[in-house]
């Protein structure tokens, strides 16, 4: 979860999504989430199977956004759900025991509720305001992240409006990793962007 890439076809600026993902992985991305809100089920499954095959040689896990059926069909490594998706209890019943399960938290109430649940991580969302996601609660900011760290037993991933400087700050304030969309998908060189982000958060973790 150190450097987590969430895919977005539009953010790739017309470039092949699979090329962008592979370049990002070569640059140091450690986890990939396939996020597709508008694809039909069969197309989503086919894309997930292809991405799983691409990531497997690099030993990078594939997480599917929201769709448990797609994750199971593609033999992905886990599922990520938001506050408007299927509830935790339903998702947990459907997932095999070894699957990862991540949850977006947008409010203090979300964090407190999640304390009773077995989760692989919480995505603190959004950490900063971002054009990639406009349907969320107000940004947490660094003060909010510190509150989540003090009140959660789960690993934390910060997402939303992160660049190399803000990513390092997030790690220094309690995040176990950071997740990005446009910072890698829209970068001129996704590989170089991933390298810079990874170096920044690694240094922050070593020198809190």
N, C-alpha and C. Protein backbone atom coordinates (compact mmCIF):
# COMPACT_ATOMS: atom_id res chain seq x y z
N UNK A 1 0.81 -1.22 0.00
CA UNK A 1 0.00 0.00 0.00
C UNK A 1 0.84 1.27 0.00
N UNK A 2 2.15 1.11 -0.08
CA UNK A 2 3.04 2.27 0.00
C UNK A 2 2.74 3.30 -1.10
N UNK A 3 2.69 2.83 -2.34
CA UNK A 3 2.38 3.71 -3.47
C UNK A 3 1.29 3.04 -4.31
N UNK A 4 0.10 3.55 -4.18
CA UNK A 4 -1.14 2.92 -4.65
C UNK A 4 -1.67 3.72 -5.84
N UNK A 5 -1.78 3.08 -6.99
CA UNK A 5 -2.30 3.74 -8.19
C UNK A 5 -3.75 3.36 -8.41
N UNK A 6 -4.60 4.38 -8.53
CA UNK A 6 -6.01 4.18 -8.89
C UNK A 6 -6.16 4.60 -10.35
N UNK A 7 -6.63 3.69 -11.18
CA UNK A 7 -6.67 3.98 -12.62
C UNK A 7 -7.84 4.90 -12.98
N UNK A 8 -7.63 5.64 -14.04
CA UNK A 8 -8.66 6.51 -14.60
C UNK A 8 -8.33 6.70 -16.08
N UNK A 9 -9.16 6.14 -16.92
CA UNK A 9 -8.91 6.18 -18.37
C UNK A 9 -8.77 7.61 -18.88
N UNK A 10 -9.65 8.51 -18.43
CA UNK A 10 -9.59 9.90 -18.89
C UNK A 10 -8.29 10.58 -18.47
N UNK A 11 -7.84 10.26 -17.26
CA UNK A 11 -6.61 10.89 -16.76
C UNK A 11 -5.38 10.47 -17.54
N UNK A 12 -5.48 9.36 -18.29
CA UNK A 12 -4.33 8.90 -19.09
C UNK A 12 -4.13 9.73 -20.35
N UNK A 13 -5.04 10.67 -20.61
CA UNK A 13 -4.89 11.64 -21.70
C UNK A 13 -4.73 10.98 -23.07
N UNK A 14 -5.54 9.95 -23.31
CA UNK A 14 -5.54 9.29 -24.61
C UNK A 14 -4.51 8.19 -24.76
N UNK A 15 -3.66 8.01 -23.77
CA UNK A 15 -2.65 6.95 -23.85
C UNK A 15 -3.23 5.63 -23.36
N UNK A 16 -2.62 4.54 -23.78
CA UNK A 16 -3.10 3.22 -23.42
C UNK A 16 -3.00 3.00 -21.91
N UNK A 17 -4.11 2.64 -21.27
CA UNK A 17 -4.14 2.45 -19.83
C UNK A 17 -3.14 1.40 -19.36
N UNK A 18 -3.02 0.32 -20.11
CA UNK A 18 -2.12 -0.76 -19.69
C UNK A 18 -0.66 -0.33 -19.77
N UNK A 19 -0.34 0.47 -20.75
CA UNK A 19 1.02 1.03 -20.84
C UNK A 19 1.30 1.93 -19.64
N UNK A 20 0.34 2.80 -19.31
CA UNK A 20 0.51 3.71 -18.18
C UNK A 20 0.71 2.92 -16.89
N UNK A 21 -0.11 1.89 -16.68
CA UNK A 21 0.01 1.10 -15.45
C UNK A 21 1.36 0.39 -15.38
N UNK A 22 1.78 -0.20 -16.49
CA UNK A 22 3.06 -0.92 -16.45
C UNK A 22 4.23 0.03 -16.21
N UNK A 23 4.19 1.19 -16.85
CA UNK A 23 5.24 2.19 -16.60
C UNK A 23 5.25 2.61 -15.12
N UNK A 24 4.06 2.78 -14.56
CA UNK A 24 3.96 3.17 -13.15
C UNK A 24 4.53 2.09 -12.23
N UNK A 25 4.24 0.84 -12.55
CA UNK A 25 4.76 -0.27 -11.75
C UNK A 25 6.28 -0.34 -11.86
N UNK A 26 6.80 -0.12 -13.05
CA UNK A 26 8.25 -0.09 -13.23
C UNK A 26 8.89 1.05 -12.44
N UNK A 27 8.11 2.08 -12.19
CA UNK A 27 8.59 3.21 -11.40
C UNK A 27 8.45 3.02 -9.90
N UNK A 28 7.74 1.95 -9.49
CA UNK A 28 7.66 1.68 -8.06
C UNK A 28 6.28 1.55 -7.45
N UNK A 29 5.22 1.64 -8.26
CA UNK A 29 3.86 1.45 -7.72
C UNK A 29 3.73 0.05 -7.12
N UNK A 30 3.13 -0.03 -5.94
CA UNK A 30 3.07 -1.30 -5.21
C UNK A 30 1.68 -1.92 -5.15
N UNK A 31 0.66 -1.19 -5.60
CA UNK A 31 -0.72 -1.68 -5.57
C UNK A 31 -1.51 -0.93 -6.62
N UNK A 32 -2.39 -1.63 -7.35
CA UNK A 32 -3.17 -0.99 -8.41
C UNK A 32 -4.65 -1.28 -8.19
N UNK A 33 -5.45 -0.23 -8.28
CA UNK A 33 -6.91 -0.38 -8.24
C UNK A 33 -7.49 -0.05 -9.60
N UNK A 34 -8.27 -0.99 -10.13
CA UNK A 34 -8.97 -0.75 -11.39
C UNK A 34 -10.33 -0.15 -11.07
N UNK A 35 -10.52 1.08 -11.50
CA UNK A 35 -11.76 1.82 -11.20
C UNK A 35 -12.47 2.13 -12.51
N UNK A 36 -13.62 1.53 -12.70
CA UNK A 36 -14.39 1.73 -13.93
C UNK A 36 -15.85 1.90 -13.56
N UNK A 37 -16.36 3.11 -13.67
CA UNK A 37 -17.74 3.37 -13.29
C UNK A 37 -18.72 3.19 -14.45
N UNK A 38 -18.22 3.18 -15.68
CA UNK A 38 -19.13 3.21 -16.82
C UNK A 38 -19.06 1.99 -17.74
N UNK A 39 -18.19 1.03 -17.42
CA UNK A 39 -18.08 -0.16 -18.26
C UNK A 39 -19.14 -1.19 -17.92
N UNK A 40 -19.60 -1.93 -18.94
CA UNK A 40 -20.48 -3.06 -18.70
C UNK A 40 -19.71 -4.16 -17.98
N UNK A 41 -20.44 -5.08 -17.40
CA UNK A 41 -19.81 -6.12 -16.58
C UNK A 41 -18.80 -6.95 -17.35
N UNK A 42 -19.17 -7.41 -18.54
CA UNK A 42 -18.26 -8.26 -19.30
C UNK A 42 -16.98 -7.51 -19.69
N UNK A 43 -17.13 -6.27 -20.12
CA UNK A 43 -15.96 -5.47 -20.48
C UNK A 43 -15.07 -5.21 -19.27
N UNK A 44 -15.70 -4.97 -18.14
CA UNK A 44 -14.97 -4.73 -16.90
C UNK A 44 -14.16 -5.98 -16.53
N UNK A 45 -14.79 -7.14 -16.61
CA UNK A 45 -14.11 -8.40 -16.29
C UNK A 45 -12.93 -8.63 -17.22
N UNK A 46 -13.14 -8.41 -18.52
CA UNK A 46 -12.07 -8.63 -19.50
C UNK A 46 -10.88 -7.71 -19.22
N UNK A 47 -11.18 -6.45 -18.88
CA UNK A 47 -10.11 -5.50 -18.58
C UNK A 47 -9.37 -5.92 -17.31
N UNK A 48 -10.12 -6.37 -16.32
CA UNK A 48 -9.52 -6.81 -15.06
C UNK A 48 -8.63 -8.03 -15.25
N UNK A 49 -9.07 -8.98 -16.06
CA UNK A 49 -8.27 -10.18 -16.33
C UNK A 49 -6.97 -9.80 -17.02
N UNK A 50 -7.06 -8.90 -17.98
CA UNK A 50 -5.86 -8.46 -18.70
C UNK A 50 -4.90 -7.73 -17.76
N UNK A 51 -5.45 -6.88 -16.88
CA UNK A 51 -4.60 -6.13 -15.96
C UNK A 51 -3.97 -7.05 -14.92
N UNK A 52 -4.73 -8.04 -14.47
CA UNK A 52 -4.21 -9.02 -13.51
C UNK A 52 -3.01 -9.76 -14.12
N UNK A 53 -3.14 -10.14 -15.39
CA UNK A 53 -2.05 -10.85 -16.07
C UNK A 53 -0.82 -9.95 -16.22
N UNK A 54 -1.05 -8.67 -16.45
CA UNK A 54 0.06 -7.73 -16.59
C UNK A 54 0.81 -7.56 -15.25
N UNK A 55 0.05 -7.49 -14.17
CA UNK A 55 0.64 -7.21 -12.86
C UNK A 55 1.28 -8.42 -12.19
N UNK A 56 0.80 -9.60 -12.54
CA UNK A 56 1.25 -10.81 -11.84
C UNK A 56 2.77 -11.01 -11.84
N UNK A 57 3.45 -10.84 -12.98
CA UNK A 57 4.91 -11.03 -12.97
C UNK A 57 5.64 -10.06 -12.05
N UNK A 58 5.04 -8.90 -11.79
CA UNK A 58 5.66 -7.91 -10.91
C UNK A 58 5.26 -8.11 -9.44
N UNK A 59 4.37 -9.09 -9.20
CA UNK A 59 3.87 -9.36 -7.84
C UNK A 59 3.20 -8.12 -7.23
N UNK A 60 2.48 -7.38 -8.08
CA UNK A 60 1.73 -6.22 -7.63
C UNK A 60 0.25 -6.60 -7.57
N UNK A 61 -0.39 -6.50 -6.40
CA UNK A 61 -1.79 -6.90 -6.28
C UNK A 61 -2.73 -5.99 -7.08
N UNK A 62 -3.84 -6.58 -7.51
CA UNK A 62 -4.88 -5.85 -8.22
C UNK A 62 -6.13 -5.77 -7.34
N UNK A 63 -6.59 -4.56 -7.12
CA UNK A 63 -7.82 -4.30 -6.36
C UNK A 63 -8.88 -3.81 -7.35
N UNK A 64 -10.11 -4.28 -7.18
CA UNK A 64 -11.22 -3.84 -8.03
C UNK A 64 -12.10 -2.89 -7.24
N UNK A 65 -12.42 -1.77 -7.84
CA UNK A 65 -13.28 -0.80 -7.19
C UNK A 65 -14.74 -1.27 -7.21
N UNK A 66 -15.31 -1.42 -6.02
CA UNK A 66 -16.75 -1.63 -5.83
C UNK A 66 -17.28 -3.02 -6.21
N UNK A 67 -16.86 -3.57 -7.34
CA UNK A 67 -17.53 -4.73 -7.93
C UNK A 67 -16.93 -6.06 -7.45
N UNK A 68 -17.59 -6.67 -6.49
CA UNK A 68 -17.14 -7.97 -5.98
C UNK A 68 -17.21 -9.03 -7.06
N UNK A 69 -18.27 -8.99 -7.89
CA UNK A 69 -18.43 -9.98 -8.95
C UNK A 69 -17.27 -9.93 -9.94
N UNK A 70 -16.84 -8.74 -10.29
CA UNK A 70 -15.72 -8.58 -11.23
C UNK A 70 -14.43 -9.07 -10.58
N UNK A 71 -14.23 -8.74 -9.33
CA UNK A 71 -13.02 -9.17 -8.61
C UNK A 71 -12.93 -10.69 -8.57
N UNK A 72 -14.03 -11.35 -8.30
CA UNK A 72 -14.04 -12.82 -8.22
C UNK A 72 -13.82 -13.43 -9.60
N UNK A 73 -14.49 -12.87 -10.61
CA UNK A 73 -14.37 -13.41 -11.97
C UNK A 73 -12.95 -13.28 -12.51
N UNK A 74 -12.29 -12.19 -12.15
CA UNK A 74 -10.93 -11.93 -12.66
C UNK A 74 -9.85 -12.49 -11.74
N UNK A 75 -10.27 -13.09 -10.63
CA UNK A 75 -9.32 -13.59 -9.63
C UNK A 75 -8.34 -12.49 -9.20
N UNK A 76 -8.93 -11.33 -8.93
CA UNK A 76 -8.15 -10.20 -8.44
C UNK A 76 -7.75 -10.47 -6.99
N UNK A 77 -7.06 -9.52 -6.38
CA UNK A 77 -6.54 -9.72 -5.03
C UNK A 77 -7.38 -9.05 -3.96
N UNK A 78 -8.33 -8.23 -4.39
CA UNK A 78 -9.14 -7.56 -3.38
C UNK A 78 -10.16 -6.62 -3.99
N UNK A 79 -10.91 -5.97 -3.11
CA UNK A 79 -11.98 -5.05 -3.49
C UNK A 79 -11.87 -3.79 -2.64
N UNK A 80 -12.16 -2.66 -3.26
CA UNK A 80 -12.23 -1.40 -2.52
C UNK A 80 -13.66 -0.87 -2.62
N UNK A 81 -14.23 -0.46 -1.49
CA UNK A 81 -15.58 0.08 -1.51
C UNK A 81 -15.60 1.47 -0.87
N UNK A 82 -16.53 2.28 -1.37
CA UNK A 82 -16.74 3.61 -0.82
C UNK A 82 -17.98 3.61 0.05
N UNK A 83 -18.31 4.78 0.56
CA UNK A 83 -19.45 4.89 1.46
C UNK A 83 -20.79 4.73 0.74
N UNK A 84 -20.81 4.91 -0.56
CA UNK A 84 -22.06 4.76 -1.31
C UNK A 84 -22.17 3.39 -2.00
N UNK A 85 -21.18 2.53 -1.80
CA UNK A 85 -21.17 1.22 -2.44
C UNK A 85 -21.84 0.18 -1.53
N UNK A 86 -21.70 -1.08 -1.88
CA UNK A 86 -22.24 -2.15 -1.05
C UNK A 86 -21.73 -2.03 0.38
N UNK A 87 -22.58 -2.27 1.38
CA UNK A 87 -22.11 -2.17 2.76
C UNK A 87 -21.08 -3.24 3.11
N UNK A 88 -20.24 -2.91 4.07
CA UNK A 88 -19.15 -3.79 4.49
C UNK A 88 -19.64 -5.21 4.77
N UNK A 89 -20.72 -5.34 5.53
CA UNK A 89 -21.18 -6.68 5.93
C UNK A 89 -21.50 -7.56 4.74
N UNK A 90 -22.08 -6.98 3.71
CA UNK A 90 -22.42 -7.75 2.51
C UNK A 90 -21.17 -8.13 1.72
N UNK A 91 -20.26 -7.16 1.57
CA UNK A 91 -19.03 -7.43 0.83
C UNK A 91 -18.22 -8.52 1.53
N UNK A 92 -18.11 -8.41 2.84
CA UNK A 92 -17.31 -9.37 3.60
C UNK A 92 -17.84 -10.79 3.45
N UNK A 93 -19.15 -10.94 3.40
CA UNK A 93 -19.75 -12.26 3.24
C UNK A 93 -19.42 -12.89 1.88
N UNK A 94 -19.27 -12.03 0.87
CA UNK A 94 -19.05 -12.53 -0.49
C UNK A 94 -17.58 -12.81 -0.81
N UNK A 95 -16.67 -12.18 -0.08
CA UNK A 95 -15.25 -12.29 -0.41
C UNK A 95 -14.60 -13.51 0.23
N UNK A 96 -13.74 -14.21 -0.50
CA UNK A 96 -12.91 -15.25 0.13
C UNK A 96 -12.04 -14.63 1.22
N UNK A 97 -11.65 -15.44 2.18
CA UNK A 97 -10.95 -14.94 3.36
C UNK A 97 -9.65 -14.23 3.03
N UNK A 98 -8.95 -14.68 1.98
CA UNK A 98 -7.63 -14.12 1.69
C UNK A 98 -7.70 -12.81 0.90
N UNK A 99 -8.89 -12.39 0.48
CA UNK A 99 -9.00 -11.17 -0.32
C UNK A 99 -8.78 -9.93 0.53
N UNK A 100 -8.11 -8.94 -0.05
CA UNK A 100 -7.97 -7.65 0.60
C UNK A 100 -9.30 -6.90 0.51
N UNK A 101 -9.58 -6.07 1.50
CA UNK A 101 -10.78 -5.24 1.48
C UNK A 101 -10.43 -3.87 2.04
N UNK A 102 -10.56 -2.86 1.18
CA UNK A 102 -10.28 -1.49 1.57
C UNK A 102 -11.56 -0.67 1.59
N UNK A 103 -11.59 0.35 2.43
CA UNK A 103 -12.78 1.18 2.60
C UNK A 103 -12.40 2.65 2.61
N UNK A 104 -13.14 3.46 1.85
CA UNK A 104 -12.96 4.92 1.90
C UNK A 104 -13.68 5.47 3.12
N UNK A 105 -13.01 6.36 3.84
CA UNK A 105 -13.65 7.04 4.98
C UNK A 105 -13.62 8.54 4.72
N UNK A 106 -14.79 9.17 4.86
CA UNK A 106 -14.92 10.58 4.55
C UNK A 106 -15.27 11.43 5.77
N UNK A 107 -15.69 10.76 6.86
CA UNK A 107 -16.08 11.48 8.07
C UNK A 107 -15.55 10.75 9.30
N UNK A 108 -15.56 11.44 10.42
CA UNK A 108 -15.13 10.80 11.68
C UNK A 108 -16.04 9.62 12.02
N UNK A 109 -17.32 9.75 11.72
CA UNK A 109 -18.26 8.65 11.97
C UNK A 109 -17.87 7.41 11.17
N UNK A 110 -17.44 7.60 9.92
CA UNK A 110 -16.99 6.47 9.09
C UNK A 110 -15.83 5.74 9.75
N UNK A 111 -14.88 6.52 10.26
CA UNK A 111 -13.68 5.95 10.90
C UNK A 111 -14.07 5.16 12.14
N UNK A 112 -14.93 5.74 12.95
CA UNK A 112 -15.35 5.08 14.19
C UNK A 112 -16.11 3.79 13.92
N UNK A 113 -16.96 3.82 12.92
CA UNK A 113 -17.73 2.63 12.55
C UNK A 113 -16.81 1.51 12.07
N UNK A 114 -15.77 1.88 11.33
CA UNK A 114 -14.85 0.90 10.75
C UNK A 114 -13.99 0.20 11.78
N UNK A 115 -13.92 0.73 13.00
CA UNK A 115 -13.10 0.12 14.04
C UNK A 115 -13.54 -1.31 14.35
N UNK A 116 -14.80 -1.60 14.15
CA UNK A 116 -15.32 -2.95 14.46
C UNK A 116 -15.13 -3.92 13.30
N UNK A 117 -14.61 -3.44 12.18
CA UNK A 117 -14.53 -4.25 10.97
C UNK A 117 -13.12 -4.73 10.68
N UNK A 118 -13.05 -5.88 10.00
CA UNK A 118 -11.75 -6.41 9.58
C UNK A 118 -11.45 -5.90 8.17
N UNK A 119 -10.57 -4.95 8.08
CA UNK A 119 -10.24 -4.30 6.82
C UNK A 119 -8.74 -4.34 6.57
N UNK A 120 -8.36 -4.33 5.31
CA UNK A 120 -6.93 -4.30 4.96
C UNK A 120 -6.36 -2.90 5.11
N UNK A 121 -7.21 -1.88 4.88
CA UNK A 121 -6.78 -0.49 5.01
C UNK A 121 -7.98 0.43 4.94
N UNK A 122 -7.79 1.66 5.39
CA UNK A 122 -8.75 2.74 5.18
C UNK A 122 -8.14 3.74 4.22
N UNK A 123 -8.92 4.19 3.25
CA UNK A 123 -8.49 5.28 2.38
C UNK A 123 -9.07 6.57 2.93
N UNK A 124 -8.22 7.44 3.42
CA UNK A 124 -8.65 8.72 3.99
C UNK A 124 -8.90 9.66 2.82
N UNK A 125 -10.19 9.94 2.56
CA UNK A 125 -10.56 10.54 1.27
C UNK A 125 -11.60 11.65 1.43
N UNK A 126 -11.36 12.80 0.75
CA UNK A 126 -10.09 13.19 0.14
C UNK A 126 -9.20 13.88 1.16
N UNK A 127 -7.91 13.68 1.02
CA UNK A 127 -6.98 14.34 1.92
C UNK A 127 -6.92 15.84 1.60
N UNK A 128 -6.86 16.14 0.29
CA UNK A 128 -6.95 17.52 -0.20
C UNK A 128 -7.99 17.54 -1.31
N UNK A 129 -8.54 18.70 -1.59
CA UNK A 129 -9.52 18.80 -2.67
C UNK A 129 -8.87 18.43 -4.00
N UNK A 130 -9.63 17.73 -4.83
CA UNK A 130 -9.10 17.26 -6.10
C UNK A 130 -10.18 17.24 -7.15
N UNK A 131 -9.85 17.58 -8.42
CA UNK A 131 -10.84 17.50 -9.50
C UNK A 131 -11.21 16.07 -9.86
N UNK A 132 -10.41 15.08 -9.42
CA UNK A 132 -10.69 13.68 -9.76
C UNK A 132 -11.94 13.17 -9.05
N UNK A 133 -12.21 13.70 -7.85
CA UNK A 133 -13.39 13.27 -7.09
C UNK A 133 -14.06 14.50 -6.50
N UNK A 134 -15.28 14.77 -6.99
CA UNK A 134 -15.99 15.97 -6.55
C UNK A 134 -17.23 15.63 -5.73
N UNK A 135 -17.49 14.33 -5.52
CA UNK A 135 -18.71 13.90 -4.84
C UNK A 135 -18.44 13.45 -3.41
N UNK A 136 -17.41 14.03 -2.80
CA UNK A 136 -17.00 13.58 -1.47
C UNK A 136 -17.23 14.66 -0.42
N UNK A 137 -17.04 14.28 0.83
CA UNK A 137 -17.14 15.22 1.95
C UNK A 137 -15.97 16.20 1.89
N UNK A 138 -15.98 17.24 2.73
CA UNK A 138 -14.84 18.18 2.76
C UNK A 138 -13.51 17.47 3.02
N UNK A 139 -12.45 18.04 2.48
CA UNK A 139 -11.12 17.43 2.62
C UNK A 139 -10.71 17.31 4.09
N UNK A 140 -10.00 16.21 4.40
CA UNK A 140 -9.53 15.98 5.77
C UNK A 140 -8.41 16.94 6.16
N UNK A 141 -7.46 17.17 5.23
CA UNK A 141 -6.28 17.96 5.56
C UNK A 141 -5.38 17.19 6.53
N UNK A 142 -4.27 17.79 6.89
CA UNK A 142 -3.31 17.13 7.76
C UNK A 142 -3.84 16.95 9.19
N UNK A 143 -4.57 17.93 9.66
CA UNK A 143 -5.14 17.81 11.00
C UNK A 143 -6.13 16.64 11.06
N UNK A 144 -6.93 16.51 10.02
CA UNK A 144 -7.87 15.39 9.96
C UNK A 144 -7.16 14.06 9.88
N UNK A 145 -6.09 14.00 9.12
CA UNK A 145 -5.32 12.76 9.00
C UNK A 145 -4.75 12.36 10.36
N UNK A 146 -4.24 13.32 11.08
CA UNK A 146 -3.70 13.02 12.42
C UNK A 146 -4.80 12.48 13.33
N UNK A 147 -6.01 13.03 13.20
CA UNK A 147 -7.13 12.53 14.01
C UNK A 147 -7.45 11.08 13.64
N UNK A 148 -7.49 10.79 12.35
CA UNK A 148 -7.77 9.41 11.92
C UNK A 148 -6.70 8.46 12.46
N UNK A 149 -5.43 8.87 12.36
CA UNK A 149 -4.34 8.02 12.85
C UNK A 149 -4.51 7.73 14.35
N UNK A 150 -4.93 8.72 15.09
CA UNK A 150 -5.09 8.56 16.54
C UNK A 150 -6.31 7.73 16.92
N UNK A 151 -7.24 7.58 15.97
CA UNK A 151 -8.51 6.93 16.28
C UNK A 151 -8.79 5.68 15.46
N UNK A 152 -7.80 5.20 14.74
CA UNK A 152 -8.00 4.00 13.92
C UNK A 152 -6.88 3.00 14.13
N UNK A 153 -7.25 1.72 14.16
CA UNK A 153 -6.26 0.64 14.28
C UNK A 153 -5.82 0.12 12.91
N UNK A 154 -6.44 0.64 11.85
CA UNK A 154 -6.18 0.12 10.51
C UNK A 154 -5.03 0.86 9.81
N UNK A 155 -4.36 0.19 8.87
CA UNK A 155 -3.42 0.91 8.00
C UNK A 155 -4.17 2.00 7.25
N UNK A 156 -3.49 3.12 7.02
CA UNK A 156 -4.13 4.27 6.37
C UNK A 156 -3.45 4.61 5.05
N UNK A 157 -4.28 4.90 4.06
CA UNK A 157 -3.80 5.38 2.76
C UNK A 157 -4.43 6.74 2.51
N UNK A 158 -3.61 7.75 2.27
CA UNK A 158 -4.14 9.07 1.95
C UNK A 158 -4.38 9.19 0.46
N UNK A 159 -5.51 9.78 0.07
CA UNK A 159 -5.80 9.98 -1.35
C UNK A 159 -6.49 11.33 -1.55
N UNK A 160 -6.16 11.97 -2.67
CA UNK A 160 -6.81 13.21 -3.01
C UNK A 160 -5.88 14.40 -3.02
N UNK A 161 -5.56 14.89 -4.22
CA UNK A 161 -4.78 16.11 -4.35
C UNK A 161 -3.33 15.99 -3.94
N UNK A 162 -2.75 14.80 -4.07
CA UNK A 162 -1.38 14.59 -3.59
C UNK A 162 -0.34 14.74 -4.70
N UNK A 163 0.72 15.48 -4.37
CA UNK A 163 1.94 15.51 -5.19
C UNK A 163 3.08 15.01 -4.31
N UNK A 164 4.30 15.09 -4.78
CA UNK A 164 5.43 14.53 -4.02
C UNK A 164 5.59 15.19 -2.65
N UNK A 165 5.40 16.51 -2.59
CA UNK A 165 5.57 17.22 -1.33
C UNK A 165 4.46 16.87 -0.35
N UNK A 166 3.22 16.93 -0.81
CA UNK A 166 2.08 16.63 0.06
C UNK A 166 2.06 15.15 0.45
N UNK A 167 2.52 14.28 -0.45
CA UNK A 167 2.57 12.85 -0.14
C UNK A 167 3.53 12.58 1.01
N UNK A 168 4.69 13.23 0.97
CA UNK A 168 5.66 13.08 2.04
C UNK A 168 5.10 13.58 3.36
N UNK A 169 4.39 14.69 3.30
CA UNK A 169 3.78 15.25 4.52
C UNK A 169 2.74 14.28 5.08
N UNK A 170 1.95 13.66 4.19
CA UNK A 170 0.93 12.71 4.63
C UNK A 170 1.56 11.53 5.36
N UNK A 171 2.65 11.02 4.83
CA UNK A 171 3.34 9.89 5.47
C UNK A 171 3.92 10.32 6.81
N UNK A 172 4.45 11.52 6.87
CA UNK A 172 5.04 12.00 8.13
C UNK A 172 3.96 12.23 9.19
N UNK A 173 2.70 12.40 8.76
CA UNK A 173 1.60 12.67 9.70
C UNK A 173 0.77 11.42 10.01
N UNK A 174 1.23 10.25 9.55
CA UNK A 174 0.55 9.03 9.97
C UNK A 174 0.04 8.11 8.88
N UNK A 175 0.08 8.52 7.62
CA UNK A 175 -0.37 7.63 6.55
C UNK A 175 0.66 6.53 6.32
N UNK A 176 0.20 5.32 6.10
CA UNK A 176 1.09 4.20 5.79
C UNK A 176 1.45 4.16 4.31
N UNK A 177 0.65 4.83 3.51
CA UNK A 177 0.91 4.90 2.08
C UNK A 177 0.06 6.00 1.47
N UNK A 178 0.26 6.24 0.18
CA UNK A 178 -0.54 7.25 -0.51
C UNK A 178 -1.08 6.66 -1.81
N UNK A 179 -2.25 7.15 -2.19
CA UNK A 179 -2.88 6.71 -3.43
C UNK A 179 -3.05 7.93 -4.34
N UNK A 180 -2.78 7.73 -5.63
CA UNK A 180 -2.88 8.83 -6.58
C UNK A 180 -3.57 8.36 -7.86
N UNK A 181 -4.12 9.33 -8.55
CA UNK A 181 -4.71 9.07 -9.88
C UNK A 181 -3.92 9.90 -10.89
N UNK A 182 -4.27 11.19 -11.00
CA UNK A 182 -3.68 12.04 -12.04
C UNK A 182 -2.19 12.29 -11.86
N UNK A 183 -1.70 12.25 -10.62
CA UNK A 183 -0.27 12.51 -10.39
C UNK A 183 0.61 11.51 -11.14
N UNK A 184 0.06 10.34 -11.44
CA UNK A 184 0.79 9.35 -12.26
C UNK A 184 0.14 9.20 -13.62
N UNK A 185 -1.18 9.01 -13.67
CA UNK A 185 -1.86 8.75 -14.95
C UNK A 185 -1.68 9.89 -15.95
N UNK A 186 -1.65 11.12 -15.45
CA UNK A 186 -1.56 12.28 -16.35
C UNK A 186 -0.13 12.80 -16.52
N UNK A 187 0.81 12.19 -15.83
CA UNK A 187 2.20 12.65 -15.91
C UNK A 187 2.80 12.35 -17.28
N UNK A 188 3.69 13.20 -17.73
CA UNK A 188 4.36 12.98 -19.03
C UNK A 188 5.05 11.62 -19.03
N UNK A 189 5.71 11.29 -17.92
CA UNK A 189 6.33 9.98 -17.74
C UNK A 189 5.76 9.35 -16.47
N UNK A 190 4.80 8.43 -16.60
CA UNK A 190 4.25 7.77 -15.41
C UNK A 190 5.33 7.06 -14.59
N UNK A 191 6.33 6.51 -15.26
CA UNK A 191 7.41 5.81 -14.54
C UNK A 191 8.20 6.80 -13.68
N UNK A 192 8.57 7.91 -14.25
CA UNK A 192 9.34 8.92 -13.52
C UNK A 192 8.50 9.52 -12.38
N UNK A 193 7.22 9.75 -12.64
CA UNK A 193 6.34 10.29 -11.61
C UNK A 193 6.26 9.34 -10.42
N UNK A 194 6.15 8.05 -10.71
CA UNK A 194 6.09 7.05 -9.64
C UNK A 194 7.41 7.02 -8.86
N UNK A 195 8.52 7.11 -9.56
CA UNK A 195 9.83 7.10 -8.90
C UNK A 195 9.96 8.28 -7.94
N UNK A 196 9.53 9.44 -8.37
CA UNK A 196 9.64 10.65 -7.54
C UNK A 196 8.75 10.52 -6.30
N UNK A 197 7.52 10.06 -6.50
CA UNK A 197 6.60 9.88 -5.38
C UNK A 197 7.14 8.86 -4.38
N UNK A 198 7.64 7.74 -4.90
CA UNK A 198 8.15 6.69 -4.02
C UNK A 198 9.35 7.17 -3.21
N UNK A 199 10.23 7.87 -3.87
CA UNK A 199 11.41 8.41 -3.16
C UNK A 199 10.98 9.38 -2.06
N UNK A 200 10.01 10.22 -2.37
CA UNK A 200 9.54 11.22 -1.43
C UNK A 200 8.92 10.57 -0.19
N UNK A 201 8.04 9.58 -0.39
CA UNK A 201 7.38 8.97 0.76
C UNK A 201 8.32 8.03 1.52
N UNK A 202 9.26 7.43 0.83
CA UNK A 202 10.26 6.57 1.50
C UNK A 202 11.12 7.41 2.43
N UNK A 203 11.58 8.56 1.94
CA UNK A 203 12.38 9.47 2.75
C UNK A 203 11.58 9.97 3.97
N UNK A 204 10.30 10.23 3.75
CA UNK A 204 9.45 10.73 4.85
C UNK A 204 9.27 9.66 5.91
N UNK A 205 9.16 8.40 5.47
CA UNK A 205 8.98 7.31 6.43
C UNK A 205 10.26 7.06 7.24
N UNK A 206 11.40 7.26 6.59
CA UNK A 206 12.68 7.05 7.27
C UNK A 206 13.05 8.20 8.19
N UNK A 207 12.53 9.40 7.85
CA UNK A 207 12.86 10.61 8.63
C UNK A 207 11.58 11.32 9.07
N UNK A 208 10.82 10.70 9.98
CA UNK A 208 9.52 11.29 10.37
C UNK A 208 9.70 12.62 11.10
